[in-house]
Amino acid sequence: MTNSPLKTYLSNSIIEYLDIPLQVKKSLFMYGVRTLADLDFTSDDDLLSYHGIAQKNLLKIRAATEKLRKKIDEGLDE
């Protein structure tokens, strides 16, 4: 069984770890958003212009990003 390029790439991307719908992950991937820094420097208006990113998903993306950042910070503090 072979992996699709998207699945292979997502396994090497922070986007995989966000608790958001797969279609939204695909949209972020297609527009080059792959790291937390990419999400930090991408404006809400830019995210909303991406195919598959609706206002409700934007809120999920921002919440999932903060949740993941908190987990990373807690791991670094240990």
PDB file of N, CA and C in Angstrom:
ATOM      1  N   MET A   1       0.845  -1.180   0.000  1.00  0.00           N
ATOM      2  CA  MET A   1       0.000   0.000   0.000  1.00  0.00           C
ATOM      3  C   MET A   1       0.892   1.247   0.000  1.00  0.00           C
ATOM      4  N   THR A   2       0.604   2.172  -0.881  1.00  0.00           N
ATOM      5  CA  THR A   2       1.404   3.392  -0.950  1.00  0.00           C
ATOM      6  C   THR A   2       0.642   4.551  -0.349  1.00  0.00           C
ATOM      7  N   ASN A   3       1.387   5.479   0.203  1.00  0.00           N
ATOM      8  CA  ASN A   3       0.786   6.684   0.767  1.00  0.00           C
ATOM      9  C   ASN A   3       0.617   7.734  -0.320  1.00  0.00           C
ATOM     10  N   SER A   4      -0.416   8.521  -0.188  1.00  0.00           N
ATOM     11  CA  SER A   4      -0.585   9.628  -1.123  1.00  0.00           C
ATOM     12  C   SER A   4       0.421  10.718  -0.760  1.00  0.00           C
ATOM     13  N   PRO A   5       0.791  11.555  -1.721  1.00  0.00           N
ATOM     14  CA  PRO A   5       1.740  12.648  -1.410  1.00  0.00           C
ATOM     15  C   PRO A   5       1.232  13.552  -0.293  1.00  0.00           C
ATOM     16  N   LEU A   6      -0.077  13.810  -0.276  1.00  0.00           N
ATOM     17  CA  LEU A   6      -0.629  14.666   0.774  1.00  0.00           C
ATOM     18  C   LEU A   6      -0.431  14.023   2.137  1.00  0.00           C
ATOM     19  N   LYS A   7      -0.759  12.734   2.249  1.00  0.00           N
ATOM     20  CA  LYS A   7      -0.616  12.047   3.530  1.00  0.00           C
ATOM     21  C   LYS A   7       0.848  12.011   3.964  1.00  0.00           C
ATOM     22  N   THR A   8       1.737  11.737   3.040  1.00  0.00           N
ATOM     23  CA  THR A   8       3.162  11.715   3.349  1.00  0.00           C
ATOM     24  C   THR A   8       3.626  13.084   3.818  1.00  0.00           C
ATOM     25  N   TYR A   9       3.217  14.125   3.115  1.00  0.00           N
ATOM     26  CA  TYR A   9       3.650  15.457   3.484  1.00  0.00           C
ATOM     27  C   TYR A   9       3.056  15.880   4.815  1.00  0.00           C
ATOM     28  N   LEU A  10       1.772  15.577   5.031  1.00  0.00           N
ATOM     29  CA  LEU A  10       1.140  15.963   6.292  1.00  0.00           C
ATOM     30  C   LEU A  10       1.800  15.278   7.476  1.00  0.00           C
ATOM     31  N   SER A  11       2.347  14.088   7.261  1.00  0.00           N
ATOM     32  CA  SER A  11       3.007  13.398   8.371  1.00  0.00           C
ATOM     33  C   SER A  11       4.286  14.126   8.784  1.00  0.00           C
ATOM     34  N   ASN A  12       4.773  15.011   7.933  1.00  0.00           N
ATOM     35  CA  ASN A  12       5.967  15.799   8.245  1.00  0.00           C
ATOM     36  C   ASN A  12       5.620  17.270   8.472  1.00  0.00           C
ATOM     37  N   SER A  13       4.371  17.548   8.744  1.00  0.00           N
ATOM     38  CA  SER A  13       3.896  18.920   8.902  1.00  0.00           C
ATOM     39  C   SER A  13       3.162  19.060  10.232  1.00  0.00           C
ATOM     40  N   ILE A  14       3.272  20.224  10.823  1.00  0.00           N
ATOM     41  CA  ILE A  14       2.579  20.491  12.086  1.00  0.00           C
ATOM     42  C   ILE A  14       1.062  20.494  11.882  1.00  0.00           C
ATOM     43  N   ILE A  15       0.613  20.737  10.659  1.00  0.00           N
ATOM     44  CA  ILE A  15      -0.819  20.779  10.358  1.00  0.00           C
ATOM     45  C   ILE A  15      -1.487  19.461  10.732  1.00  0.00           C
ATOM     46  N   GLU A  16      -0.758  18.350  10.599  1.00  0.00           N
ATOM     47  CA  GLU A  16      -1.305  17.035  10.940  1.00  0.00           C
ATOM     48  C   GLU A  16      -1.799  16.991  12.387  1.00  0.00           C
ATOM     49  N   TYR A  17      -1.162  17.727  13.263  1.00  0.00           N
ATOM     50  CA  TYR A  17      -1.461  17.652  14.689  1.00  0.00           C
ATOM     51  C   TYR A  17      -2.559  18.607  15.144  1.00  0.00           C
ATOM     52  N   LEU A  18      -3.067  19.417  14.233  1.00  0.00           N
ATOM     53  CA  LEU A  18      -4.164  20.317  14.581  1.00  0.00           C
ATOM     54  C   LEU A  18      -5.476  19.555  14.579  1.00  0.00           C
ATOM     55  N   ASP A  19      -6.308  19.835  15.546  1.00  0.00           N
ATOM     56  CA  ASP A  19      -7.605  19.175  15.661  1.00  0.00           C
ATOM     57  C   ASP A  19      -8.628  19.938  14.813  1.00  0.00           C
ATOM     58  N   ILE A  20      -8.516  19.761  13.492  1.00  0.00           N
ATOM     59  CA  ILE A  20      -9.400  20.419  12.534  1.00  0.00           C
ATOM     60  C   ILE A  20      -9.793  19.388  11.474  1.00  0.00           C
ATOM     61  N   PRO A  21     -10.877  19.629  10.744  1.00  0.00           N
ATOM     62  CA  PRO A  21     -11.315  18.679   9.717  1.00  0.00           C
ATOM     63  C   PRO A  21     -10.251  18.457   8.632  1.00  0.00           C
ATOM     64  N   LEU A  22     -10.231  17.242   8.071  1.00  0.00           N
ATOM     65  CA  LEU A  22      -9.246  16.892   7.055  1.00  0.00           C
ATOM     66  C   LEU A  22      -9.307  17.823   5.848  1.00  0.00           C
ATOM     67  N   GLN A  23     -10.503  18.211   5.411  1.00  0.00           N
ATOM     68  CA  GLN A  23     -10.624  19.100   4.253  1.00  0.00           C
ATOM     69  C   GLN A  23      -9.930  20.441   4.518  1.00  0.00           C
ATOM     70  N   VAL A  24     -10.017  20.913   5.737  1.00  0.00           N
ATOM     71  CA  VAL A  24      -9.355  22.168   6.096  1.00  0.00           C
ATOM     72  C   VAL A  24      -7.841  21.973   6.086  1.00  0.00           C
ATOM     73  N   LYS A  25      -7.368  20.833   6.589  1.00  0.00           N
ATOM     74  CA  LYS A  25      -5.932  20.534   6.537  1.00  0.00           C
ATOM     75  C   LYS A  25      -5.452  20.526   5.095  1.00  0.00           C
ATOM     76  N   LYS A  26      -6.234  19.917   4.204  1.00  0.00           N
ATOM     77  CA  LYS A  26      -5.868  19.867   2.786  1.00  0.00           C
ATOM     78  C   LYS A  26      -5.788  21.275   2.202  1.00  0.00           C
ATOM     79  N   SER A  27      -6.751  22.112   2.558  1.00  0.00           N
ATOM     80  CA  SER A  27      -6.733  23.488   2.047  1.00  0.00           C
ATOM     81  C   SER A  27      -5.507  24.242   2.535  1.00  0.00           C
ATOM     82  N   LEU A  28      -5.189  24.106   3.808  1.00  0.00           N
ATOM     83  CA  LEU A  28      -3.995  24.772   4.348  1.00  0.00           C
ATOM     84  C   LEU A  28      -2.747  24.278   3.621  1.00  0.00           C
ATOM     85  N   PHE A  29      -2.667  22.964   3.423  1.00  0.00           N
ATOM     86  CA  PHE A  29      -1.524  22.385   2.724  1.00  0.00           C
ATOM     87  C   PHE A  29      -1.398  22.936   1.307  1.00  0.00           C
ATOM     88  N   MET A  30      -2.502  22.999   0.594  1.00  0.00           N
ATOM     89  CA  MET A  30      -2.482  23.456  -0.795  1.00  0.00           C
ATOM     90  C   MET A  30      -2.042  24.917  -0.908  1.00  0.00           C
ATOM     91  N   TYR A  31      -2.282  25.701   0.121  1.00  0.00           N
ATOM     92  CA  TYR A  31      -1.891  27.111   0.093  1.00  0.00           C
ATOM     93  C   TYR A  31      -0.560  27.372   0.796  1.00  0.00           C
ATOM     94  N   GLY A  32       0.154  26.307   1.141  1.00  0.00           N
ATOM     95  CA  GLY A  32       1.508  26.468   1.660  1.00  0.00           C
ATOM     96  C   GLY A  32       1.618  26.715   3.156  1.00  0.00           C
ATOM     97  N   VAL A  33       0.550  26.509   3.902  1.00  0.00           N
ATOM     98  CA  VAL A  33       0.596  26.688   5.355  1.00  0.00           C
ATOM     99  C   VAL A  33       0.976  25.340   5.960  1.00  0.00           C
ATOM    100  N   ARG A  34       2.169  25.284   6.560  1.00  0.00           N
ATOM    101  CA  ARG A  34       2.665  24.009   7.070  1.00  0.00           C
ATOM    102  C   ARG A  34       3.209  24.073   8.500  1.00  0.00           C
ATOM    103  N   THR A  35       3.422  25.259   9.024  1.00  0.00           N
ATOM    104  CA  THR A  35       4.010  25.396  10.359  1.00  0.00           C
ATOM    105  C   THR A  35       3.159  26.348  11.203  1.00  0.00           C
ATOM    106  N   LEU A  36       3.427  26.354  12.499  1.00  0.00           N
ATOM    107  CA  LEU A  36       2.738  27.311  13.369  1.00  0.00           C
ATOM    108  C   LEU A  36       3.105  28.738  12.989  1.00  0.00           C
ATOM    109  N   ALA A  37       4.338  28.940  12.573  1.00  0.00           N
ATOM    110  CA  ALA A  37       4.747  30.285  12.143  1.00  0.00           C
ATOM    111  C   ALA A  37       3.953  30.718  10.913  1.00  0.00           C
ATOM    112  N   ASP A  38       3.725  29.800   9.982  1.00  0.00           N
ATOM    113  CA  ASP A  38       2.899  30.127   8.814  1.00  0.00           C
ATOM    114  C   ASP A  38       1.519  30.600   9.254  1.00  0.00           C
ATOM    115  N   LEU A  39       0.948  29.898  10.240  1.00  0.00           N
ATOM    116  CA  LEU A  39      -0.366  30.291  10.738  1.00  0.00           C
ATOM    117  C   LEU A  39      -0.323  31.627  11.468  1.00  0.00           C
ATOM    118  N   ASP A  40       0.756  31.869  12.190  1.00  0.00           N
ATOM    119  CA  ASP A  40       0.898  33.137  12.915  1.00  0.00           C
ATOM    120  C   ASP A  40       0.967  34.327  11.963  1.00  0.00           C
ATOM    121  N   PHE A  41       1.656  34.138  10.844  1.00  0.00           N
ATOM    122  CA  PHE A  41       1.871  35.258   9.924  1.00  0.00           C
ATOM    123  C   PHE A  41       0.836  35.355   8.808  1.00  0.00           C
ATOM    124  N   THR A  42      -0.114  34.421   8.786  1.00  0.00           N
ATOM    125  CA  THR A  42      -1.191  34.474   7.798  1.00  0.00           C
ATOM    126  C   THR A  42      -2.379  35.175   8.431  1.00  0.00           C
ATOM    127  N   SER A  43      -2.845  36.232   7.802  1.00  0.00           N
ATOM    128  CA  SER A  43      -3.966  36.984   8.371  1.00  0.00           C
ATOM    129  C   SER A  43      -5.266  36.195   8.247  1.00  0.00           C
ATOM    130  N   ASP A  44      -6.233  36.558   9.061  1.00  0.00           N
ATOM    131  CA  ASP A  44      -7.549  35.929   8.997  1.00  0.00           C
ATOM    132  C   ASP A  44      -8.170  36.110   7.611  1.00  0.00           C
ATOM    133  N   ASP A  45      -8.015  37.283   7.023  1.00  0.00           N
ATOM    134  CA  ASP A  45      -8.558  37.533   5.683  1.00  0.00           C
ATOM    135  C   ASP A  45      -7.927  36.609   4.650  1.00  0.00           C
ATOM    136  N   ASP A  46      -6.618  36.393   4.767  1.00  0.00           N
ATOM    137  CA  ASP A  46      -5.949  35.477   3.834  1.00  0.00           C
ATOM    138  C   ASP A  46      -6.475  34.055   4.005  1.00  0.00           C
ATOM    139  N   LEU A  47      -6.607  33.609   5.241  1.00  0.00           N
ATOM    140  CA  LEU A  47      -7.122  32.262   5.477  1.00  0.00           C
ATOM    141  C   LEU A  47      -8.538  32.102   4.924  1.00  0.00           C
ATOM    142  N   LEU A  48      -9.361  33.109   5.104  1.00  0.00           N
ATOM    143  CA  LEU A  48     -10.733  33.029   4.613  1.00  0.00           C
ATOM    144  C   LEU A  48     -10.802  33.012   3.089  1.00  0.00           C
ATOM    145  N   SER A  49      -9.781  33.519   2.422  1.00  0.00           N
ATOM    146  CA  SER A  49      -9.775  33.522   0.957  1.00  0.00           C
ATOM    147  C   SER A  49      -9.383  32.157   0.390  1.00  0.00           C
ATOM    148  N   TYR A  50      -8.833  31.263   1.217  1.00  0.00           N
ATOM    149  CA  TYR A  50      -8.437  29.937   0.753  1.00  0.00           C
ATOM    150  C   TYR A  50      -9.685  29.093   0.539  1.00  0.00           C
ATOM    151  N   HIS A  51      -9.676  28.272  -0.476  1.00  0.00           N
ATOM    152  CA  HIS A  51     -10.800  27.375  -0.761  1.00  0.00           C
ATOM    153  C   HIS A  51     -10.993  26.405   0.411  1.00  0.00           C
ATOM    154  N   GLY A  52     -12.191  26.278   0.884  1.00  0.00           N
ATOM    155  CA  GLY A  52     -12.493  25.331   1.954  1.00  0.00           C
ATOM    156  C   GLY A  52     -12.358  25.899   3.351  1.00  0.00           C
ATOM    157  N   ILE A  53     -11.955  27.153   3.473  1.00  0.00           N
ATOM    158  CA  ILE A  53     -11.815  27.759   4.792  1.00  0.00           C
ATOM    159  C   ILE A  53     -12.982  28.715   5.013  1.00  0.00           C
ATOM    160  N   ALA A  54     -13.893  28.320   5.873  1.00  0.00           N
ATOM    161  CA  ALA A  54     -15.041  29.150   6.210  1.00  0.00           C
ATOM    162  C   ALA A  54     -14.782  29.819   7.559  1.00  0.00           C
ATOM    163  N   GLN A  55     -15.621  30.777   7.912  1.00  0.00           N
ATOM    164  CA  GLN A  55     -15.452  31.498   9.180  1.00  0.00           C
ATOM    165  C   GLN A  55     -15.408  30.529  10.365  1.00  0.00           C
ATOM    166  N   LYS A  56     -16.295  29.533  10.373  1.00  0.00           N
ATOM    167  CA  LYS A  56     -16.303  28.584  11.500  1.00  0.00           C
ATOM    168  C   LYS A  56     -15.005  27.779  11.550  1.00  0.00           C
ATOM    169  N   ASN A  57     -14.444  27.461  10.381  1.00  0.00           N
ATOM    170  CA  ASN A  57     -13.174  26.744  10.356  1.00  0.00           C
ATOM    171  C   ASN A  57     -12.012  27.630  10.773  1.00  0.00           C
ATOM    172  N   LEU A  58     -12.106  28.902  10.468  1.00  0.00           N
ATOM    173  CA  LEU A  58     -11.077  29.839  10.896  1.00  0.00           C
ATOM    174  C   LEU A  58     -10.981  29.845  12.418  1.00  0.00           C
ATOM    175  N   LEU A  59     -12.119  29.871  13.079  1.00  0.00           N
ATOM    176  CA  LEU A  59     -12.124  29.834  14.538  1.00  0.00           C
ATOM    177  C   LEU A  59     -11.537  28.526  15.055  1.00  0.00           C
ATOM    178  N   LYS A  60     -11.853  27.416  14.382  1.00  0.00           N
ATOM    179  CA  LYS A  60     -11.295  26.120  14.775  1.00  0.00           C
ATOM    180  C   LYS A  60      -9.783  26.091  14.585  1.00  0.00           C
ATOM    181  N   ILE A  61      -9.316  26.674  13.490  1.00  0.00           N
ATOM    182  CA  ILE A  61      -7.874  26.709  13.213  1.00  0.00           C
ATOM    183  C   ILE A  61      -7.149  27.484  14.292  1.00  0.00           C
ATOM    184  N   ARG A  62      -7.654  28.662  14.620  1.00  0.00           N
ATOM    185  CA  ARG A  62      -6.998  29.489  15.648  1.00  0.00           C
ATOM    186  C   ARG A  62      -7.032  28.805  17.015  1.00  0.00           C
ATOM    187  N   ALA A  63      -8.157  28.175  17.372  1.00  0.00           N
ATOM    188  CA  ALA A  63      -8.256  27.484  18.661  1.00  0.00           C
ATOM    189  C   ALA A  63      -7.332  26.265  18.699  1.00  0.00           C
ATOM    190  N   ALA A  64      -7.296  25.505  17.614  1.00  0.00           N
ATOM    191  CA  ALA A  64      -6.436  24.322  17.554  1.00  0.00           C
ATOM    192  C   ALA A  64      -4.964  24.710  17.600  1.00  0.00           C
ATOM    193  N   THR A  65      -4.632  25.831  16.978  1.00  0.00           N
ATOM    194  CA  THR A  65      -3.246  26.311  16.994  1.00  0.00           C
ATOM    195  C   THR A  65      -2.821  26.650  18.420  1.00  0.00           C
ATOM    196  N   GLU A  66      -3.671  27.353  19.133  1.00  0.00           N
ATOM    197  CA  GLU A  66      -3.347  27.711  20.523  1.00  0.00           C
ATOM    198  C   GLU A  66      -3.256  26.472  21.416  1.00  0.00           C
ATOM    199  N   LYS A  67      -4.145  25.512  21.202  1.00  0.00           N
ATOM    200  CA  LYS A  67      -4.129  24.274  21.984  1.00  0.00           C
ATOM    201  C   LYS A  67      -2.823  23.511  21.746  1.00  0.00           C
ATOM    202  N   LEU A  68      -2.418  23.408  20.482  1.00  0.00           N
ATOM    203  CA  LEU A  68      -1.178  22.713  20.156  1.00  0.00           C
ATOM    204  C   LEU A  68       0.030  23.461  20.701  1.00  0.00           C
ATOM    205  N   ARG A  69       0.025  24.772  20.587  1.00  0.00           N
ATOM    206  CA  ARG A  69       1.131  25.573  21.110  1.00  0.00           C
ATOM    207  C   ARG A  69       1.268  25.359  22.630  1.00  0.00           C
ATOM    208  N   LYS A  70       0.143  25.270  23.323  1.00  0.00           N
ATOM    209  CA  LYS A  70       0.161  25.048  24.775  1.00  0.00           C
ATOM    210  C   LYS A  70       0.774  23.682  25.094  1.00  0.00           C
ATOM    211  N   LYS A  71       0.386  22.647  24.323  1.00  0.00           N
ATOM    212  CA  LYS A  71       0.951  21.313  24.538  1.00  0.00           C
ATOM    213  C   LYS A  71       2.458  21.310  24.307  1.00  0.00           C
ATOM    214  N   ILE A  72       2.894  22.011  23.270  1.00  0.00           N
ATOM    215  CA  ILE A  72       4.323  22.093  22.975  1.00  0.00           C
ATOM    216  C   ILE A  72       5.053  22.803  24.104  1.00  0.00           C
ATOM    217  N   ASP A  73       4.504  23.918  24.574  1.00  0.00           N
ATOM    218  CA  ASP A  73       5.120  24.659  25.666  1.00  0.00           C
ATOM    219  C   ASP A  73       5.206  23.832  26.935  1.00  0.00           C
ATOM    220  N   GLU A  74       4.146  23.082  27.240  1.00  0.00           N
ATOM    221  CA  GLU A  74       4.157  22.219  28.428  1.00  0.00           C
ATOM    222  C   GLU A  74       5.232  21.149  28.302  1.00  0.00           C
ATOM    223  N   GLY A  75       5.399  20.612  27.099  1.00  0.00           N
ATOM    224  CA  GLY A  75       6.426  19.603  26.870  1.00  0.00           C
ATOM    225  C   GLY A  75       7.826  20.164  27.040  1.00  0.00           C
ATOM    226  N   LEU A  76       8.025  21.407  26.643  1.00  0.00           N
ATOM    227  CA  LEU A  76       9.335  22.039  26.785  1.00  0.00           C
ATOM    228  C   LEU A  76       9.651  22.366  28.234  1.00  0.00           C
ATOM    229  N   ASP A  77       8.617  22.606  29.038  1.00  0.00           N
ATOM    230  CA  ASP A  77       8.825  22.957  30.441  1.00  0.00           C
ATOM    231  C   ASP A  77       9.226  21.762  31.280  1.00  0.00           C
ATOM    232  N   GLU A  78       8.937  20.553  30.801  1.00  0.00           N
ATOM    233  CA  GLU A  78       9.242  19.345  31.599  1.00  0.00           C
ATOM    234  C   GLU A  78      10.696  19.047  31.664  1.00  0.00           C
TER     235      GLU A  78
END
